[in-house]
Amino acid sequence: PTPVAALLQRAHHRLLTGGWCKDALADEDGAHCMLG
């Protein structure tokens, strides 16, 4: 129910469905790093 926790959960889901990358906020395939 809290905004920061919900944001972190959405970010986790984003990496799970969109892919994870390193050395960049986002890569050409649409994958993101944690901060991205």
All heavy atoms as atom14 arrays in JSON, in Angstrom:
{
  "sequence": "PTPVAALLQRAHHRLLTGGWCKDALADEDGAHCMLG",
  "atom14_mask": [
    [1, 1, 1, 1, 1, 1, 1, 0, 0, 0, 0, 0, 0, 0],
    [1, 1, 1, 1, 1, 1, 1, 0, 0, 0, 0, 0, 0, 0],
    [1, 1, 1, 1, 1, 1, 1, 0, 0, 0, 0, 0, 0, 0],
    [1, 1, 1, 1, 1, 1, 1, 0, 0, 0, 0, 0, 0, 0],
    [1, 1, 1, 1, 1, 0, 0, 0, 0, 0, 0, 0, 0, 0],
    [1, 1, 1, 1, 1, 0, 0, 0, 0, 0, 0, 0, 0, 0],
    [1, 1, 1, 1, 1, 1, 1, 1, 0, 0, 0, 0, 0, 0],
    [1, 1, 1, 1, 1, 1, 1, 1, 0, 0, 0, 0, 0, 0],
    [1, 1, 1, 1, 1, 1, 1, 1, 1, 0, 0, 0, 0, 0],
    [1, 1, 1, 1, 1, 1, 1, 1, 1, 1, 1, 0, 0, 0],
    [1, 1, 1, 1, 1, 0, 0, 0, 0, 0, 0, 0, 0, 0],
    [1, 1, 1, 1, 1, 1, 1, 1, 1, 1, 0, 0, 0, 0],
    [1, 1, 1, 1, 1, 1, 1, 1, 1, 1, 0, 0, 0, 0],
    [1, 1, 1, 1, 1, 1, 1, 1, 1, 1, 1, 0, 0, 0],
    [1, 1, 1, 1, 1, 1, 1, 1, 0, 0, 0, 0, 0, 0],
    [1, 1, 1, 1, 1, 1, 1, 1, 0, 0, 0, 0, 0, 0],
    [1, 1, 1, 1, 1, 1, 1, 0, 0, 0, 0, 0, 0, 0],
    [1, 1, 1, 1, 0, 0, 0, 0, 0, 0, 0, 0, 0, 0],
    [1, 1, 1, 1, 0, 0, 0, 0, 0, 0, 0, 0, 0, 0],
    [1, 1, 1, 1, 1, 1, 1, 1, 1, 1, 1, 1, 1, 1],
    [1, 1, 1, 1, 1, 1, 0, 0, 0, 0, 0, 0, 0, 0],
    [1, 1, 1, 1, 1, 1, 1, 1, 1, 0, 0, 0, 0, 0],
    [1, 1, 1, 1, 1, 1, 1, 1, 0, 0, 0, 0, 0, 0],
    [1, 1, 1, 1, 1, 0, 0, 0, 0, 0, 0, 0, 0, 0],
    [1, 1, 1, 1, 1, 1, 1, 1, 0, 0, 0, 0, 0, 0],
    [1, 1, 1, 1, 1, 0, 0, 0, 0, 0, 0, 0, 0, 0],
    [1, 1, 1, 1, 1, 1, 1, 1, 0, 0, 0, 0, 0, 0],
    [1, 1, 1, 1, 1, 1, 1, 1, 1, 0, 0, 0, 0, 0],
    [1, 1, 1, 1, 1, 1, 1, 1, 0, 0, 0, 0, 0, 0],
    [1, 1, 1, 1, 0, 0, 0, 0, 0, 0, 0, 0, 0, 0],
    [1, 1, 1, 1, 1, 0, 0, 0, 0, 0, 0, 0, 0, 0],
    [1, 1, 1, 1, 1, 1, 1, 1, 1, 1, 0, 0, 0, 0],
    [1, 1, 1, 1, 1, 1, 0, 0, 0, 0, 0, 0, 0, 0],
    [1, 1, 1, 1, 1, 1, 1, 1, 0, 0, 0, 0, 0, 0],
    [1, 1, 1, 1, 1, 1, 1, 1, 0, 0, 0, 0, 0, 0],
    [1, 1, 1, 1, 0, 0, 0, 0, 0, 0, 0, 0, 0, 0]
  ],
  "atom14_positions": [
    [[0.8, -1.23, 0.0], [0.0, 0.0, 0.0], [0.84, 1.28, 0.0], [0.33, 2.35, -0.3], [-0.81, -0.12, 1.29], [0.04, -0.94, 2.2], [0.78, -1.89, 1.3], [0.0, 0.0, 0.0], [0.0, 0.0, 0.0], [0.0, 0.0, 0.0], [0.0, 0.0, 0.0], [0.0, 0.0, 0.0], [0.0, 0.0, 0.0], [0.0, 0.0, 0.0]],
    [[2.12, 1.16, 0.32], [2.96, 2.35, 0.4], [3.56, 2.65, -0.97], [3.85, 1.74, -1.74], [4.08, 2.14, 1.44], [4.87, 1.02, 1.05], [3.5, 1.91, 2.82], [0.0, 0.0, 0.0], [0.0, 0.0, 0.0], [0.0, 0.0, 0.0], [0.0, 0.0, 0.0], [0.0, 0.0, 0.0], [0.0, 0.0, 0.0], [0.0, 0.0, 0.0]],
    [[3.78, 3.93, -1.3], [4.2, 4.28, -2.66], [5.59, 3.78, -3.05], [5.79, 3.31, -4.17], [4.14, 5.81, -2.68], [4.06, 6.25, -1.27], [3.52, 5.11, -0.48], [0.0, 0.0, 0.0], [0.0, 0.0, 0.0], [0.0, 0.0, 0.0], [0.0, 0.0, 0.0], [0.0, 0.0, 0.0], [0.0, 0.0, 0.0], [0.0, 0.0, 0.0]],
    [[6.57, 3.85, -2.15], [7.92, 3.41, -2.5], [7.95, 1.89, -2.69], [8.54, 1.38, -3.65], [8.95, 3.86, -1.43], [10.32, 3.27, -1.7], [9.03, 5.38, -1.39], [0.0, 0.0, 0.0], [0.0, 0.0, 0.0], [0.0, 0.0, 0.0], [0.0, 0.0, 0.0], [0.0, 0.0, 0.0], [0.0, 0.0, 0.0], [0.0, 0.0, 0.0]],
    [[7.29, 1.16, -1.8], [7.24, -0.3, -1.92], [6.52, -0.71, -3.21], [6.96, -1.62, -3.91], [6.55, -0.91, -0.71], [0.0, 0.0, 0.0], [0.0, 0.0, 0.0], [0.0, 0.0, 0.0], [0.0, 0.0, 0.0], [0.0, 0.0, 0.0], [0.0, 0.0, 0.0], [0.0, 0.0, 0.0], [0.0, 0.0, 0.0], [0.0, 0.0, 0.0]],
    [[5.43, -0.03, -3.54], [4.7, -0.33, -4.77], [5.56, -0.03, -6.0], [5.54, -0.78, -6.98], [3.39, 0.45, -4.82], [0.0, 0.0, 0.0], [0.0, 0.0, 0.0], [0.0, 0.0, 0.0], [0.0, 0.0, 0.0], [0.0, 0.0, 0.0], [0.0, 0.0, 0.0], [0.0, 0.0, 0.0], [0.0, 0.0, 0.0], [0.0, 0.0, 0.0]],
    [[6.33, 1.08, -5.95], [7.22, 1.41, -7.05], [8.29, 0.34, -7.24], [8.57, -0.09, -8.36], [7.88, 2.78, -6.81], [9.03, 3.15, -7.75], [8.54, 3.25, -9.19], [9.67, 4.45, -7.32], [0.0, 0.0, 0.0], [0.0, 0.0, 0.0], [0.0, 0.0, 0.0], [0.0, 0.0, 0.0], [0.0, 0.0, 0.0], [0.0, 0.0, 0.0]],
    [[8.88, -0.12, -6.15], [9.9, -1.17, -6.24], [9.32, -2.47, -6.77], [9.96, -3.18, -7.54], [10.56, -1.37, -4.87], [11.47, -0.21, -4.44], [11.78, -0.3, -2.95], [12.74, -0.19, -5.27], [0.0, 0.0, 0.0], [0.0, 0.0, 0.0], [0.0, 0.0, 0.0], [0.0, 0.0, 0.0], [0.0, 0.0, 0.0], [0.0, 0.0, 0.0]],
    [[8.08, -2.76, -6.4], [7.43, -3.96, -6.93], [7.18, -3.82, -8.43], [7.4, -4.76, -9.2], [6.12, -4.22, -6.21], [5.42, -5.46, -6.72], [4.01, -5.6, -6.23], [3.39, -4.64, -5.8], [3.49, -6.8, -6.28], [0.0, 0.0, 0.0], [0.0, 0.0, 0.0], [0.0, 0.0, 0.0], [0.0, 0.0, 0.0], [0.0, 0.0, 0.0]],
    [[6.73, -2.66, -8.87], [6.52, -2.43, -10.31], [7.83, -2.51, -11.09], [7.88, -3.03, -12.2], [5.84, -1.08, -10.54], [4.4, -1.02, -10.12], [3.68, 0.22, -10.64], [4.38, 1.47, -10.44], [4.27, 2.26, -9.37], [3.47, 1.93, -8.38], [4.94, 3.39, -9.31], [0.0, 0.0, 0.0], [0.0, 0.0, 0.0], [0.0, 0.0, 0.0]],
    [[8.91, -2.0, -10.49], [10.22, -2.08, -11.14], [10.66, -3.53, -11.27], [11.21, -3.94, -12.31], [11.25, -1.27, -10.35], [0.0, 0.0, 0.0], [0.0, 0.0, 0.0], [0.0, 0.0, 0.0], [0.0, 0.0, 0.0], [0.0, 0.0, 0.0], [0.0, 0.0, 0.0], [0.0, 0.0, 0.0], [0.0, 0.0, 0.0], [0.0, 0.0, 0.0]],
    [[10.42, -4.33, -10.25], [10.73, -5.76, -10.31], [9.94, -6.41, -11.44], [10.5, -7.18, -12.23], [10.4, -6.43, -8.97], [10.56, -7.91, -9.01], [9.52, -8.76, -9.27], [11.66, -8.7, -8.83], [9.96, -10.0, -9.25], [11.25, -10.0, -8.99], [0.0, 0.0, 0.0], [0.0, 0.0, 0.0], [0.0, 0.0, 0.0], [0.0, 0.0, 0.0]],
    [[8.67, -6.11, -11.53], [7.83, -6.69, -12.59], [8.31, -6.23, -13.97], [8.3, -7.0, -14.92], [6.37, -6.3, -12.36], [5.44, -6.94, -13.33], [5.15, -8.28, -13.32], [4.75, -6.42, -14.37], [4.31, -8.56, -14.29], [4.06, -7.45, -14.95], [0.0, 0.0, 0.0], [0.0, 0.0, 0.0], [0.0, 0.0, 0.0], [0.0, 0.0, 0.0]],
    [[8.76, -4.99, -14.05], [9.28, -4.46, -15.31], [10.51, -5.25, -15.78], [10.63, -5.61, -16.94], [9.63, -2.98, -15.14], [10.25, -2.3, -16.31], [9.19, -1.97, -17.3], [9.73, -1.21, -18.4], [9.04, -0.33, -19.06], [7.81, -0.07, -18.72], [9.56, 0.3, -20.08], [0.0, 0.0, 0.0], [0.0, 0.0, 0.0], [0.0, 0.0, 0.0]],
    [[11.41, -5.55, -14.84], [12.6, -6.33, -15.19], [12.21, -7.77, -15.53], [12.79, -8.38, -16.43], [13.61, -6.33, -14.05], [14.3, -5.01, -13.74], [15.31, -5.2, -12.62], [14.96, -4.44, -14.97], [0.0, 0.0, 0.0], [0.0, 0.0, 0.0], [0.0, 0.0, 0.0], [0.0, 0.0, 0.0], [0.0, 0.0, 0.0], [0.0, 0.0, 0.0]],
    [[11.24, -8.29, -14.83], [10.8, -9.66, -15.06], [10.19, -9.83, -16.45], [10.46, -10.8, -17.14], [9.79, -10.06, -13.98], [9.41, -11.51, -13.86], [10.62, -12.34, -13.46], [8.32, -11.66, -12.81], [0.0, 0.0, 0.0], [0.0, 0.0, 0.0], [0.0, 0.0, 0.0], [0.0, 0.0, 0.0], [0.0, 0.0, 0.0], [0.0, 0.0, 0.0]],
    [[9.4, -8.87, -16.88], [8.72, -8.99, -18.17], [9.49, -8.35, -19.32], [9.42, -8.83, -20.45], [7.32, -8.36, -18.11], [7.44, -6.98, -17.72], [6.44, -9.1, -17.12], [0.0, 0.0, 0.0], [0.0, 0.0, 0.0], [0.0, 0.0, 0.0], [0.0, 0.0, 0.0], [0.0, 0.0, 0.0], [0.0, 0.0, 0.0], [0.0, 0.0, 0.0]],
    [[10.22, -7.27, -19.05], [10.91, -6.56, -20.12], [12.36, -6.92, -20.31], [12.96, -6.59, -21.32], [0.0, 0.0, 0.0], [0.0, 0.0, 0.0], [0.0, 0.0, 0.0], [0.0, 0.0, 0.0], [0.0, 0.0, 0.0], [0.0, 0.0, 0.0], [0.0, 0.0, 0.0], [0.0, 0.0, 0.0], [0.0, 0.0, 0.0], [0.0, 0.0, 0.0]],
    [[12.93, -7.57, -19.31], [14.32, -7.97, -19.4], [15.24, -7.09, -18.56], [14.92, -5.95, -18.23], [0.0, 0.0, 0.0], [0.0, 0.0, 0.0], [0.0, 0.0, 0.0], [0.0, 0.0, 0.0], [0.0, 0.0, 0.0], [0.0, 0.0, 0.0], [0.0, 0.0, 0.0], [0.0, 0.0, 0.0], [0.0, 0.0, 0.0], [0.0, 0.0, 0.0]],
    [[16.38, -7.65, -18.21], [17.38, -6.98, -17.4], [18.62, -6.74, -18.24], [18.96, -7.55, -19.1], [17.72, -7.87, -16.2], [18.87, -7.37, -15.38], [18.82, -6.46, -14.38], [20.24, -7.76, -15.49], [20.07, -6.26, -13.86], [20.97, -7.06, -14.52], [20.91, -8.64, -16.32], [22.33, -7.2, -14.36], [22.29, -8.79, -16.17], [22.98, -8.07, -15.19]],
    [[19.29, -5.61, -17.99], [20.56, -5.34, -18.66], [21.52, -4.73, -17.67], [21.15, -4.36, -16.56], [20.36, -4.43, -19.87], [19.97, -2.71, -19.46], [0.0, 0.0, 0.0], [0.0, 0.0, 0.0], [0.0, 0.0, 0.0], [0.0, 0.0, 0.0], [0.0, 0.0, 0.0], [0.0, 0.0, 0.0], [0.0, 0.0, 0.0], [0.0, 0.0, 0.0]],
    [[22.76, -4.6, -18.09], [23.76, -3.94, -17.25], [24.56, -2.97, -18.11], [24.47, -3.0, -19.34], [24.68, -4.96, -16.57], [25.55, -5.76, -17.49], [26.32, -6.77, -16.67], [27.73, -6.93, -17.17], [28.56, -7.73, -16.3], [0.0, 0.0, 0.0], [0.0, 0.0, 0.0], [0.0, 0.0, 0.0], [0.0, 0.0, 0.0], [0.0, 0.0, 0.0]],
    [[25.26, -2.06, -17.47], [26.1, -1.06, -18.11], [25.3, 0.01, -18.85], [25.87, 0.79, -19.61], [27.11, -1.7, -19.07], [28.05, -2.67, -18.36], [28.4, -2.39, -17.2], [28.4, -3.7, -18.96], [0.0, 0.0, 0.0], [0.0, 0.0, 0.0], [0.0, 0.0, 0.0], [0.0, 0.0, 0.0], [0.0, 0.0, 0.0], [0.0, 0.0, 0.0]],
    [[23.99, 0.06, -18.67], [23.15, 1.1, -19.28], [21.81, 1.12, -18.57], [21.39, 0.12, -17.99], [22.95, 0.83, -20.76], [0.0, 0.0, 0.0], [0.0, 0.0, 0.0], [0.0, 0.0, 0.0], [0.0, 0.0, 0.0], [0.0, 0.0, 0.0], [0.0, 0.0, 0.0], [0.0, 0.0, 0.0], [0.0, 0.0, 0.0], [0.0, 0.0, 0.0]],
    [[21.14, 2.28, -18.61], [19.79, 2.34, -18.03], [18.82, 1.47, -18.82], [17.93, 0.85, -18.26], [19.27, 3.78, -17.97], [19.93, 4.7, -16.94], [19.41, 6.12, -17.09], [19.67, 4.19, -15.53], [0.0, 0.0, 0.0], [0.0, 0.0, 0.0], [0.0, 0.0, 0.0], [0.0, 0.0, 0.0], [0.0, 0.0, 0.0], [0.0, 0.0, 0.0]],
    [[19.0, 1.45, -20.15], [18.17, 0.62, -21.03], [19.02, 0.24, -22.24], [19.88, 0.99, -22.66], [16.94, 1.38, -21.48], [0.0, 0.0, 0.0], [0.0, 0.0, 0.0], [0.0, 0.0, 0.0], [0.0, 0.0, 0.0], [0.0, 0.0, 0.0], [0.0, 0.0, 0.0], [0.0, 0.0, 0.0], [0.0, 0.0, 0.0], [0.0, 0.0, 0.0]],
    [[18.76, -0.94, -22.78], [19.48, -1.34, -23.98], [18.56, -1.27, -25.19], [17.38, -0.91, -25.08], [20.11, -2.73, -23.82], [19.1, -3.86, -23.73], [17.89, -3.62, -23.86], [19.52, -5.01, -23.53], [0.0, 0.0, 0.0], [0.0, 0.0, 0.0], [0.0, 0.0, 0.0], [0.0, 0.0, 0.0], [0.0, 0.0, 0.0], [0.0, 0.0, 0.0]],
    [[19.09, -1.6, -26.36], [18.32, -1.47, -27.6], [17.15, -2.45, -27.68], [16.22, -2.25, -28.46], [19.22, -1.64, -28.83], [19.9, -2.99, -28.95], [21.2, -3.11, -28.14], [21.67, -2.12, -27.57], [21.72, -4.23, -28.08], [0.0, 0.0, 0.0], [0.0, 0.0, 0.0], [0.0, 0.0, 0.0], [0.0, 0.0, 0.0], [0.0, 0.0, 0.0]],
    [[17.17, -3.52, -26.87], [16.07, -4.49, -26.87], [14.94, -4.1, -25.92], [13.94, -4.79, -25.85], [16.59, -5.88, -26.49], [17.57, -6.42, -27.51], [17.41, -6.09, -28.7], [18.49, -7.16, -27.12], [0.0, 0.0, 0.0], [0.0, 0.0, 0.0], [0.0, 0.0, 0.0], [0.0, 0.0, 0.0], [0.0, 0.0, 0.0], [0.0, 0.0, 0.0]],
    [[15.13, -3.02, -25.15], [14.1, -2.58, -24.22], [14.29, -3.09, -22.8], [13.46, -2.82, -21.94], [0.0, 0.0, 0.0], [0.0, 0.0, 0.0], [0.0, 0.0, 0.0], [0.0, 0.0, 0.0], [0.0, 0.0, 0.0], [0.0, 0.0, 0.0], [0.0, 0.0, 0.0], [0.0, 0.0, 0.0], [0.0, 0.0, 0.0], [0.0, 0.0, 0.0]],
    [[15.38, -3.81, -22.55], [15.67, -4.28, -21.2], [16.21, -3.1, -20.39], [16.79, -2.16, -20.93], [16.68, -5.41, -21.24], [0.0, 0.0, 0.0], [0.0, 0.0, 0.0], [0.0, 0.0, 0.0], [0.0, 0.0, 0.0], [0.0, 0.0, 0.0], [0.0, 0.0, 0.0], [0.0, 0.0, 0.0], [0.0, 0.0, 0.0], [0.0, 0.0, 0.0]],
    [[16.02, -3.14, -19.06], [16.45, -2.06, -18.17], [17.32, -2.61, -17.05], [17.23, -3.77, -16.69], [15.24, -1.36, -17.56], [14.47, -0.55, -18.53], [13.52, -1.08, -19.37], [14.52, 0.77, -18.82], [13.02, -0.13, -20.12], [13.61, 1.0, -19.81], [0.0, 0.0, 0.0], [0.0, 0.0, 0.0], [0.0, 0.0, 0.0], [0.0, 0.0, 0.0]],
    [[18.12, -1.71, -16.48], [18.84, -2.04, -15.26], [17.91, -1.73, -14.09], [16.79, -1.26, -14.29], [20.14, -1.26, -15.16], [19.92, 0.5, -14.82], [0.0, 0.0, 0.0], [0.0, 0.0, 0.0], [0.0, 0.0, 0.0], [0.0, 0.0, 0.0], [0.0, 0.0, 0.0], [0.0, 0.0, 0.0], [0.0, 0.0, 0.0], [0.0, 0.0, 0.0]],
    [[18.37, -1.97, -12.88], [17.53, -1.73, -11.7], [17.09, -0.27, -11.63], [15.9, 0.03, -11.46], [18.29, -2.11, -10.43], [18.65, -3.57, -10.34], [19.88, -3.89, -9.05], [18.88, -3.78, -7.6], [0.0, 0.0, 0.0], [0.0, 0.0, 0.0], [0.0, 0.0, 0.0], [0.0, 0.0, 0.0], [0.0, 0.0, 0.0], [0.0, 0.0, 0.0]],
    [[18.05, 0.65, -11.77], [17.73, 2.08, -11.66], [16.87, 2.53, -12.85], [15.97, 3.36, -12.69], [19.02, 2.9, -11.58], [18.87, 4.35, -11.18], [18.17, 4.47, -9.83], [20.23, 5.03, -11.13], [0.0, 0.0, 0.0], [0.0, 0.0, 0.0], [0.0, 0.0, 0.0], [0.0, 0.0, 0.0], [0.0, 0.0, 0.0], [0.0, 0.0, 0.0]],
    [[17.13, 1.99, -14.04], [16.31, 2.33, -15.2], [14.87, 1.89, -15.03], [13.94, 2.62, -15.41], [0.0, 0.0, 0.0], [0.0, 0.0, 0.0], [0.0, 0.0, 0.0], [0.0, 0.0, 0.0], [0.0, 0.0, 0.0], [0.0, 0.0, 0.0], [0.0, 0.0, 0.0], [0.0, 0.0, 0.0], [0.0, 0.0, 0.0], [0.0, 0.0, 0.0]]
  ]
}
